[in-house]
Amino acid sequence: MRRRTPTRSILGVALLLVPALGTAPISAQARADSGAVLTLDEAIAEARRANAQLPLASLDVQSALARSEQARGALYPALSLDGDVHGGIPQKYASGDAFVRLLARAPLYEGGELRAARDRSDAEAQALKAGYRVAVREVDYAVRADYGRVRRAEDGLALRRRGIERLRSYLTVVQSREASGQGVGSDLLRTRQRLAAAQADLASLRREVNDARMALDDVLGRDPEAPLRLASLASPTPPADTTGQPWLATPDVAQSASRIHAAEAGLRAARGGRKLHVDLEADVGAQPVLNSDVALLNNGRGGGGELTLFFSLPFWDGGVFRGRMAEARATLDQAHREQTVVRRASRLAWTRAARALGDLYREYEARDRAADVARDAYLQTESLYRGGQGSSLDVLDAYDAWIQANQDRLDVIYAYRVAEADLDRWGNS
């Protein structure tokens, strides 16, 4: 923390005559409702529980895991109970027959197609898991940004209310001088005009506060009419070390890598479609004959078992295999190119946020000092006017400078918090 310069002695009397203007950022005006104060961490946790977007991403993950389970199950033997009953008339034309059997079928060799399909489903599930992390990260970022926006709007509203109190106090001084017979009519008009403008600004800021609160309510999944009181945030601190490449660990990069794995598995699955496929089928069952005559083409009678070996070696399909291979190669090439784009975008976003954070902190220090100087200048100018020196224009100009300096400080604090959230978004997610 920097050391503040001692207050000048000329301000000693002024500080006794007027209310203190404060040295820290103005806190939010207390709301009339009785809702509990919500901290930033609590807001993030609440948004993760209630935000409307996250369940959609979660359902995508569940669907992908179900598809992965299906692809994995295709590698194992399948058991089924099979049978039929048939009959016809006349008996010269059709025989009556029935059978029931327990059937087992298992792939012995599938050219790697089923295993590649399993790997592709697993990789797609991993990609969607990373996509869910992206959705959570974006919700966290939205909460941080909207929370900071509400704080800036409420602090700005409190600043303008305090400024109006100062103008009313100063207006009383001008009115008392007019009542004593001094020619301060123009001072009185200027002060009233400035007070009216400040009240108009206050009404505009109320709309900004309401808009910011409604945006945050939406992210939190809250009713906009419900009470919302936010805790104060700490003042900006010097940024931590931003060396290294944390952007490589973002879910965006992980998602792009999973898509490459899925595309590679898709290429293997396409190649497996041209290789030899061998399946083994075994069944046990019984087939009684329902009529007295035996059909010419009867499948047998009584109980027993059977083994069947199926094989398939495709060698011509009119270009279907060639098309599948071309599509798989294009998908893989696209996945590699997308990864390059994602990695570059993540690196740029993180680097930009890291540099902006350092620049904004230095700006905050300068704005903080400027706000202190503007406060001192206003106190001194108003004190001189109260003592019969100086002009109303000087007081109002100093007032404007004080309000603007404090608003600039609130703006840079908000920009710092957004940059901080952006850095966390691209470096710690």
Protein backbone atom coordinates (compact mmCIF):
# COMPACT_ATOMS: atom_id res chain seq x y z
CA MET A 1 0.00 0.00 0.00
CA ARG A 2 1.26 3.44 -0.84
CA ARG A 3 1.79 6.04 1.89
CA ARG A 4 -0.68 8.95 1.81
CA THR A 5 0.73 12.46 2.01
CA PRO A 6 -0.13 14.36 5.21
CA THR A 7 -3.12 16.67 4.96
CA ARG A 8 -2.08 20.26 4.39
CA SER A 9 -2.55 22.57 7.35
CA ILE A 10 -4.69 24.93 5.30
CA LEU A 11 -7.35 22.23 5.27
CA GLY A 12 -7.48 21.82 9.01
CA VAL A 13 -10.23 24.39 9.54
CA ALA A 14 -12.04 23.26 6.40
CA LEU A 15 -12.29 19.71 7.66
CA LEU A 16 -13.97 21.02 10.79
CA LEU A 17 -16.44 23.11 8.85
CA VAL A 18 -17.61 20.54 6.28
CA PRO A 19 -18.35 16.81 6.35
CA ALA A 20 -15.51 14.53 5.35
CA LEU A 21 -15.59 13.47 1.71
CA GLY A 22 -13.77 10.18 2.29
CA THR A 23 -10.60 8.75 0.82
CA ALA A 24 -11.76 5.23 -0.11
CA PRO A 25 -14.16 4.39 -2.96
CA ILE A 26 -17.71 5.36 -2.08
CA SER A 27 -19.71 2.41 -0.67
CA ALA A 28 -23.14 1.45 -2.00
CA GLN A 29 -26.25 3.15 -0.63
CA ALA A 30 -28.07 0.80 1.76
CA ARG A 31 -31.19 -0.55 0.15
CA ALA A 32 -34.59 -0.47 1.84
CA ASP A 33 -35.04 -4.20 1.59
CA SER A 34 -34.01 -6.67 4.26
CA GLY A 35 -32.29 -9.25 2.02
CA ALA A 36 -29.02 -10.81 3.11
CA VAL A 37 -25.77 -9.44 1.74
CA LEU A 38 -24.45 -11.55 -1.14
CA THR A 39 -20.69 -11.94 -1.56
CA LEU A 40 -19.01 -12.51 -4.91
CA ASP A 41 -18.11 -16.12 -4.08
CA GLU A 42 -21.68 -16.81 -2.99
CA ALA A 43 -22.98 -15.25 -6.21
CA ILE A 44 -20.73 -17.51 -8.30
CA ALA A 45 -21.88 -20.60 -6.38
CA GLU A 46 -25.53 -19.56 -6.73
CA ALA A 47 -25.15 -19.01 -10.48
CA ARG A 48 -23.62 -22.46 -10.93
CA ARG A 49 -26.65 -23.97 -9.18
CA ALA A 50 -29.39 -21.93 -10.83
CA ASN A 51 -28.16 -20.57 -14.16
CA ALA A 52 -30.38 -21.66 -17.05
CA GLN A 53 -27.52 -22.36 -19.49
CA LEU A 54 -25.54 -24.91 -17.47
CA PRO A 55 -28.17 -27.71 -17.47
CA LEU A 56 -28.15 -27.66 -21.28
CA ALA A 57 -24.40 -28.25 -21.37
CA SER A 58 -24.76 -30.91 -18.68
CA LEU A 59 -27.37 -32.78 -20.75
CA ASP A 60 -25.00 -32.77 -23.73
CA VAL A 61 -22.41 -34.49 -21.56
CA GLN A 62 -24.92 -37.08 -20.36
CA SER A 63 -25.94 -37.87 -23.95
CA ALA A 64 -22.30 -38.25 -24.97
CA LEU A 65 -21.60 -40.61 -22.07
CA ALA A 66 -24.60 -42.71 -23.09
CA ARG A 67 -23.30 -42.93 -26.67
CA SER A 68 -19.89 -43.92 -25.33
CA GLU A 69 -21.50 -46.71 -23.31
CA GLN A 70 -23.28 -47.96 -26.43
CA ALA A 71 -20.05 -48.00 -28.45
CA ARG A 72 -18.24 -49.84 -25.65
CA GLY A 73 -21.00 -52.43 -25.38
CA ALA A 74 -20.71 -53.29 -29.08
CA LEU A 75 -17.33 -54.92 -28.34
CA TYR A 76 -18.86 -57.54 -26.02
CA PRO A 77 -21.00 -60.58 -26.79
CA ALA A 78 -24.70 -59.92 -27.11
CA LEU A 79 -27.26 -62.35 -25.66
CA SER A 80 -30.87 -62.57 -26.76
CA LEU A 81 -33.84 -64.89 -26.51
CA ASP A 82 -35.08 -65.57 -30.01
CA GLY A 83 -38.01 -67.54 -31.40
CA ASP A 84 -41.11 -67.63 -33.53
CA VAL A 85 -44.37 -69.47 -34.10
CA HIS A 86 -45.76 -69.87 -37.60
CA GLY A 87 -48.42 -71.87 -39.30
CA GLY A 88 -50.54 -71.91 -42.43
CA ILE A 89 -53.25 -73.70 -44.35
CA PRO A 90 -53.66 -75.91 -46.18
CA GLN A 91 -51.07 -78.32 -44.87
CA LYS A 92 -50.07 -79.10 -48.42
CA TYR A 93 -48.85 -75.51 -48.66
CA ALA A 94 -47.42 -74.70 -45.22
CA SER A 95 -46.46 -76.50 -42.06
CA GLY A 96 -46.95 -75.30 -38.54
CA ASP A 97 -43.75 -74.82 -36.61
CA ALA A 98 -42.29 -73.06 -33.57
CA PHE A 99 -38.89 -72.63 -32.01
CA VAL A 100 -37.19 -70.84 -29.13
CA ARG A 101 -33.46 -70.36 -28.63
CA LEU A 102 -30.86 -68.51 -26.57
CA LEU A 103 -28.64 -66.69 -29.03
CA ALA A 104 -25.15 -65.33 -28.41
CA ARG A 105 -23.20 -63.32 -30.98
CA ALA A 106 -19.73 -61.85 -30.54
CA PRO A 107 -17.33 -60.09 -32.88
CA LEU A 108 -14.08 -62.02 -33.26
CA TYR A 109 -12.37 -59.55 -35.54
CA GLU A 110 -13.76 -56.28 -36.86
CA GLY A 111 -10.72 -54.63 -38.39
CA GLY A 112 -10.52 -52.15 -35.50
CA GLU A 113 -13.79 -50.47 -36.52
CA LEU A 114 -15.65 -51.08 -33.27
CA ARG A 115 -12.68 -50.13 -31.10
CA ALA A 116 -12.21 -46.96 -33.11
CA ALA A 117 -15.92 -46.17 -32.69
CA ARG A 118 -15.51 -46.65 -28.93
CA ASP A 119 -12.46 -44.34 -28.87
CA ARG A 120 -14.31 -41.73 -30.91
CA SER A 121 -17.29 -41.79 -28.55
CA ASP A 122 -14.99 -41.46 -25.53
CA ALA A 123 -13.15 -38.53 -27.12
CA GLU A 124 -16.43 -36.82 -28.03
CA ALA A 125 -17.58 -37.24 -24.43
CA GLN A 126 -14.34 -35.66 -23.20
CA ALA A 127 -14.84 -32.78 -25.64
CA LEU A 128 -18.33 -32.14 -24.29
CA LYS A 129 -17.05 -32.33 -20.71
CA ALA A 130 -14.57 -29.61 -21.63
CA GLY A 131 -17.45 -27.73 -23.23
CA TYR A 132 -19.32 -27.91 -19.94
CA ARG A 133 -16.26 -26.44 -18.21
CA VAL A 134 -16.31 -23.65 -20.79
CA ALA A 135 -19.97 -22.99 -19.98
CA VAL A 136 -19.22 -22.88 -16.24
CA ARG A 137 -16.30 -20.54 -16.86
CA GLU A 138 -18.46 -18.18 -18.91
CA VAL A 139 -21.10 -18.12 -16.18
CA ASP A 140 -18.39 -17.31 -13.61
CA TYR A 141 -17.08 -14.53 -15.84
CA ALA A 142 -20.57 -13.10 -16.34
CA VAL A 143 -21.16 -13.08 -12.57
CA ARG A 144 -17.85 -11.31 -11.92
CA ALA A 145 -18.48 -8.72 -14.63
CA ASP A 146 -22.11 -8.07 -13.68
CA TYR A 147 -21.29 -8.03 -9.96
CA GLY A 148 -18.63 -5.39 -10.63
CA ARG A 149 -21.02 -3.44 -12.81
CA VAL A 150 -23.63 -3.36 -10.05
CA ARG A 151 -21.01 -2.25 -7.54
CA ARG A 152 -19.83 0.53 -9.85
CA ALA A 153 -23.41 1.71 -10.46
CA GLU A 154 -24.32 1.63 -6.76
CA ASP A 155 -21.07 3.32 -5.74
CA GLY A 156 -21.65 5.94 -8.44
CA LEU A 157 -25.18 6.47 -7.14
CA ALA A 158 -23.87 6.93 -3.60
CA LEU A 159 -21.24 9.36 -4.91
CA ARG A 160 -23.88 11.49 -6.65
CA ARG A 161 -26.09 11.47 -3.55
CA ARG A 162 -23.18 12.65 -1.47
CA GLY A 163 -22.44 15.28 -4.07
CA ILE A 164 -26.03 16.53 -3.91
CA GLU A 165 -25.72 16.80 -0.13
CA ARG A 166 -22.58 18.89 -0.64
CA LEU A 167 -24.35 21.14 -3.16
CA ARG A 168 -27.29 21.65 -0.83
CA SER A 169 -24.93 22.54 1.98
CA TYR A 170 -23.16 24.99 -0.29
CA LEU A 171 -26.50 26.38 -1.52
CA THR A 172 -27.40 27.17 2.09
CA VAL A 173 -24.21 29.20 2.39
CA VAL A 174 -25.04 31.16 -0.79
CA GLN A 175 -28.62 31.76 0.37
CA SER A 176 -27.40 33.04 3.72
CA ARG A 177 -25.07 35.48 1.96
CA GLU A 178 -27.95 36.70 -0.22
CA ALA A 179 -30.11 37.13 2.88
CA SER A 180 -27.38 39.29 4.39
CA GLY A 181 -27.65 41.66 1.42
CA GLN A 182 -24.66 40.50 -0.62
CA GLY A 183 -24.99 40.51 -4.41
CA VAL A 184 -24.76 36.78 -5.03
CA GLY A 185 -27.79 36.36 -7.28
CA SER A 186 -25.75 34.86 -10.11
CA ASP A 187 -24.02 32.52 -7.64
CA LEU A 188 -27.41 31.38 -6.42
CA LEU A 189 -28.68 30.68 -9.94
CA ARG A 190 -25.56 28.76 -10.94
CA THR A 191 -25.69 26.64 -7.81
CA ARG A 192 -29.37 25.82 -8.29
CA GLN A 193 -28.71 24.92 -11.93
CA ARG A 194 -25.87 22.64 -10.92
CA LEU A 195 -28.04 21.04 -8.23
CA ALA A 196 -30.84 20.38 -10.76
CA ALA A 197 -28.34 18.80 -13.17
CA ALA A 198 -26.97 16.62 -10.36
CA GLN A 199 -30.49 15.44 -9.48
CA ALA A 200 -31.09 14.56 -13.15
CA ASP A 201 -27.84 12.59 -13.19
CA LEU A 202 -29.04 10.78 -10.08
CA ALA A 203 -32.22 9.67 -11.86
CA SER A 204 -30.15 8.38 -14.79
CA LEU A 205 -27.88 6.45 -12.44
CA ARG A 206 -30.89 4.81 -10.80
CA ARG A 207 -31.80 3.34 -14.19
CA GLU A 208 -28.23 2.11 -14.61
CA VAL A 209 -28.36 0.46 -11.19
CA ASN A 210 -31.64 -1.26 -12.03
CA ASP A 211 -30.33 -2.49 -15.40
CA ALA A 212 -27.15 -3.83 -13.80
CA ARG A 213 -29.10 -5.59 -11.05
CA MET A 214 -31.48 -7.22 -13.53
CA ALA A 215 -28.56 -8.49 -15.61
CA LEU A 216 -27.00 -10.03 -12.50
CA ASP A 217 -30.35 -11.47 -11.40
CA ASP A 218 -30.67 -13.20 -14.75
CA VAL A 219 -27.24 -14.81 -14.46
CA LEU A 220 -28.03 -15.91 -10.91
CA GLY A 221 -31.42 -17.30 -11.92
CA ARG A 222 -33.15 -14.97 -9.50
CA ASP A 223 -36.46 -13.17 -9.65
CA PRO A 224 -35.67 -9.54 -10.62
CA GLU A 225 -38.10 -8.39 -7.94
CA ALA A 226 -36.27 -10.25 -5.18
CA PRO A 227 -33.99 -8.28 -2.81
CA LEU A 228 -30.37 -8.05 -3.92
CA ARG A 229 -27.70 -6.56 -1.69
CA LEU A 230 -24.08 -7.03 -2.67
CA ALA A 231 -21.05 -7.00 -0.42
CA SER A 232 -18.29 -4.49 -1.06
CA LEU A 233 -15.26 -5.60 -3.04
CA ALA A 234 -11.66 -5.07 -2.03
CA SER A 235 -9.68 -2.31 -3.69
CA PRO A 236 -7.40 -3.33 -6.57
CA THR A 237 -4.08 -4.87 -5.58
CA PRO A 238 -0.85 -5.23 -7.59
CA PRO A 239 -1.24 -8.06 -10.14
CA ALA A 240 0.46 -11.36 -9.39
CA ASP A 241 3.19 -12.79 -11.60
CA THR A 242 1.78 -13.56 -15.05
CA THR A 243 4.63 -15.60 -16.50
CA GLY A 244 4.20 -19.07 -17.98
CA GLN A 245 1.53 -20.42 -20.30
CA PRO A 246 -1.57 -21.09 -18.15
CA TRP A 247 -3.79 -20.63 -21.19
CA LEU A 248 -2.71 -24.09 -22.35
CA ALA A 249 -4.78 -25.57 -19.50
CA THR A 250 -8.04 -23.86 -20.50
CA PRO A 251 -11.02 -26.09 -21.34
CA ASP A 252 -11.05 -24.57 -24.83
CA VAL A 253 -7.63 -26.09 -25.57
CA ALA A 254 -8.64 -29.39 -23.91
CA GLN A 255 -11.80 -29.48 -26.00
CA SER A 256 -9.87 -28.95 -29.24
CA ALA A 257 -7.45 -31.76 -28.30
CA SER A 258 -10.39 -34.12 -27.62
CA ARG A 259 -11.88 -33.28 -31.00
CA ILE A 260 -8.58 -34.25 -32.64
CA HIS A 261 -8.65 -37.59 -30.81
CA ALA A 262 -12.25 -38.12 -31.96
CA ALA A 263 -11.31 -37.32 -35.56
CA GLU A 264 -8.33 -39.69 -35.43
CA ALA A 265 -10.58 -42.46 -34.13
CA GLY A 266 -13.06 -41.67 -36.88
CA LEU A 267 -10.33 -42.14 -39.47
CA ARG A 268 -9.42 -45.52 -37.95
CA ALA A 269 -13.08 -46.53 -37.97
CA ALA A 270 -13.34 -45.61 -41.65
CA ARG A 271 -10.28 -47.74 -42.48
CA GLY A 272 -11.74 -50.65 -40.52
CA GLY A 273 -14.76 -50.66 -42.82
CA ARG A 274 -12.66 -52.17 -45.63
CA LYS A 275 -11.04 -54.90 -43.51
CA LEU A 276 -12.16 -58.47 -42.80
CA HIS A 277 -14.98 -58.84 -40.27
CA VAL A 278 -15.52 -62.14 -38.45
CA ASP A 279 -18.42 -62.82 -36.05
CA LEU A 280 -19.27 -65.94 -34.11
CA GLU A 281 -22.85 -66.89 -33.34
CA ALA A 282 -23.95 -69.69 -30.99
CA ASP A 283 -27.41 -70.76 -29.97
CA VAL A 284 -29.18 -73.48 -27.99
CA GLY A 285 -32.88 -74.15 -28.19
CA ALA A 286 -35.74 -76.41 -29.17
CA GLN A 287 -37.97 -76.61 -32.22
CA PRO A 288 -41.04 -78.85 -31.91
CA VAL A 289 -43.25 -79.50 -34.90
CA LEU A 290 -46.88 -78.45 -34.38
CA ASN A 291 -48.53 -80.61 -37.03
CA SER A 292 -48.21 -84.17 -38.15
CA ASP A 293 -46.73 -83.49 -41.52
CA VAL A 294 -43.11 -82.47 -42.00
CA ALA A 295 -42.57 -79.51 -44.31
CA LEU A 296 -40.25 -79.93 -47.25
CA LEU A 297 -37.94 -77.23 -45.89
CA ASN A 298 -37.96 -77.87 -42.18
CA ASN A 299 -35.27 -76.38 -39.93
CA GLY A 300 -35.28 -79.38 -37.65
CA ARG A 301 -37.15 -80.70 -34.68
CA GLY A 302 -36.32 -81.21 -31.02
CA GLY A 303 -33.62 -79.55 -28.93
CA GLY A 304 -29.98 -78.79 -29.73
CA GLY A 305 -27.31 -76.24 -30.36
CA GLU A 306 -25.60 -74.57 -33.26
CA LEU A 307 -22.42 -72.62 -34.04
CA THR A 308 -22.20 -70.22 -36.98
CA LEU A 309 -19.17 -68.32 -38.17
CA PHE A 310 -19.87 -65.23 -40.25
CA PHE A 311 -17.23 -63.38 -42.24
CA SER A 312 -17.30 -60.42 -44.57
CA LEU A 313 -14.58 -58.83 -46.72
CA PRO A 314 -15.90 -55.90 -48.76
CA PHE A 315 -13.95 -55.13 -51.93
CA TRP A 316 -16.20 -52.83 -53.97
CA ASP A 317 -18.97 -50.49 -52.84
CA GLY A 318 -19.33 -47.90 -55.57
CA GLY A 319 -17.14 -45.33 -53.82
CA VAL A 320 -18.73 -45.43 -50.34
CA PHE A 321 -15.44 -46.37 -48.64
CA ARG A 322 -13.49 -43.77 -50.57
CA GLY A 323 -16.03 -41.12 -49.55
CA ARG A 324 -15.88 -42.14 -45.89
CA MET A 325 -12.09 -41.92 -45.92
CA ALA A 326 -12.12 -38.50 -47.57
CA GLU A 327 -14.64 -37.22 -45.01
CA ALA A 328 -12.62 -38.63 -42.09
CA ARG A 329 -9.38 -37.05 -43.35
CA ALA A 330 -11.11 -33.69 -43.84
CA THR A 331 -12.58 -33.86 -40.33
CA LEU A 332 -9.14 -34.59 -38.86
CA ASP A 333 -7.53 -31.74 -40.80
CA GLN A 334 -10.30 -29.39 -39.65
CA ALA A 335 -9.77 -30.46 -36.02
CA HIS A 336 -6.04 -29.70 -36.22
CA ARG A 337 -6.69 -26.28 -37.75
CA GLU A 338 -9.33 -25.50 -35.15
CA GLN A 339 -6.85 -26.37 -32.40
CA THR A 340 -4.36 -23.91 -33.86
CA VAL A 341 -7.03 -21.20 -33.89
CA VAL A 342 -8.14 -21.99 -30.32
CA ARG A 343 -4.60 -22.03 -28.94
CA ARG A 344 -3.77 -18.71 -30.57
CA ALA A 345 -7.03 -17.12 -29.42
CA SER A 346 -6.52 -18.37 -25.85
CA ARG A 347 -2.94 -17.10 -25.77
CA LEU A 348 -3.98 -13.70 -27.15
CA ALA A 349 -6.89 -13.35 -24.70
CA TRP A 350 -4.74 -14.27 -21.71
CA THR A 351 -1.83 -12.04 -22.75
CA ARG A 352 -4.15 -9.12 -23.39
CA ALA A 353 -5.86 -9.56 -20.01
CA ALA A 354 -2.50 -9.85 -18.20
CA ARG A 355 -1.16 -6.65 -19.76
CA ALA A 356 -4.43 -4.80 -19.27
CA LEU A 357 -4.45 -5.75 -15.59
CA GLY A 358 -1.02 -4.23 -15.03
CA ASP A 359 -1.89 -1.08 -16.97
CA LEU A 360 -5.20 -0.69 -15.18
CA TYR A 361 -3.60 -1.05 -11.77
CA ARG A 362 -1.15 1.74 -12.58
CA GLU A 363 -4.07 3.84 -13.84
CA TYR A 364 -5.99 3.07 -10.66
CA GLU A 365 -3.12 4.37 -8.52
CA ALA A 366 -3.05 7.57 -10.58
CA ARG A 367 -6.85 7.98 -10.46
CA ASP A 368 -6.83 7.33 -6.72
CA ARG A 369 -4.29 10.10 -6.17
CA ALA A 370 -6.21 12.40 -8.51
CA ALA A 371 -9.42 11.79 -6.53
CA ASP A 372 -7.60 12.70 -3.30
CA VAL A 373 -6.25 15.89 -4.86
CA ALA A 374 -9.69 16.78 -6.25
CA ARG A 375 -11.21 16.29 -2.80
CA ASP A 376 -8.60 18.52 -1.19
CA ALA A 377 -9.05 21.16 -3.90
CA TYR A 378 -12.80 21.19 -3.44
CA LEU A 379 -12.55 21.42 0.34
CA GLN A 380 -10.10 24.27 0.07
CA THR A 381 -12.14 26.18 -2.53
CA GLU A 382 -15.39 25.85 -0.61
CA SER A 383 -13.66 26.80 2.62
CA LEU A 384 -12.33 29.96 1.00
CA TYR A 385 -15.79 30.85 -0.29
CA ARG A 386 -17.28 30.31 3.16
CA GLY A 387 -14.62 32.68 4.46
CA GLY A 388 -15.60 35.36 1.97
CA GLN A 389 -12.88 34.70 -0.62
CA GLY A 390 -12.97 33.09 -4.02
CA SER A 391 -15.91 32.82 -6.42
CA SER A 392 -18.88 30.54 -6.92
CA LEU A 393 -17.48 29.49 -10.30
CA ASP A 394 -14.35 28.21 -8.59
CA VAL A 395 -16.43 26.23 -6.11
CA LEU A 396 -18.64 24.67 -8.78
CA ASP A 397 -15.68 23.89 -11.00
CA ALA A 398 -13.94 22.24 -8.07
CA TYR A 399 -17.14 20.33 -7.33
CA ASP A 400 -17.32 19.05 -10.91
CA ALA A 401 -13.67 18.05 -10.79
CA TRP A 402 -14.21 16.18 -7.52
CA ILE A 403 -17.25 14.29 -8.86
CA GLN A 404 -15.49 13.44 -12.13
CA ALA A 405 -12.29 12.31 -10.42
CA ASN A 406 -14.24 9.96 -8.17
CA GLN A 407 -16.28 8.66 -11.10
CA ASP A 408 -13.07 8.05 -13.04
CA ARG A 409 -11.77 6.10 -10.09
CA LEU A 410 -14.93 3.96 -9.99
CA ASP A 411 -14.66 3.36 -13.73
CA VAL A 412 -11.06 2.19 -13.58
CA ILE A 413 -11.84 -0.04 -10.58
CA TYR A 414 -14.60 -1.66 -12.64
CA ALA A 415 -12.30 -2.05 -15.64
CA TYR A 416 -9.67 -3.62 -13.37
CA ARG A 417 -12.20 -6.12 -12.01
CA VAL A 418 -13.32 -7.07 -15.52
CA ALA A 419 -9.68 -7.55 -16.58
CA GLU A 420 -9.08 -9.60 -13.43
CA ALA A 421 -12.07 -11.79 -14.30
CA ASP A 422 -10.80 -12.07 -17.87
CA LEU A 423 -7.38 -13.18 -16.66
CA ASP A 424 -8.97 -15.79 -14.42
CA ARG A 425 -11.18 -16.80 -17.34
CA TRP A 426 -8.21 -17.59 -19.62
CA GLY A 427 -5.58 -18.60 -17.10
CA ASN A 428 -7.16 -20.34 -14.12
CA SER A 429 -10.07 -22.25 -15.61
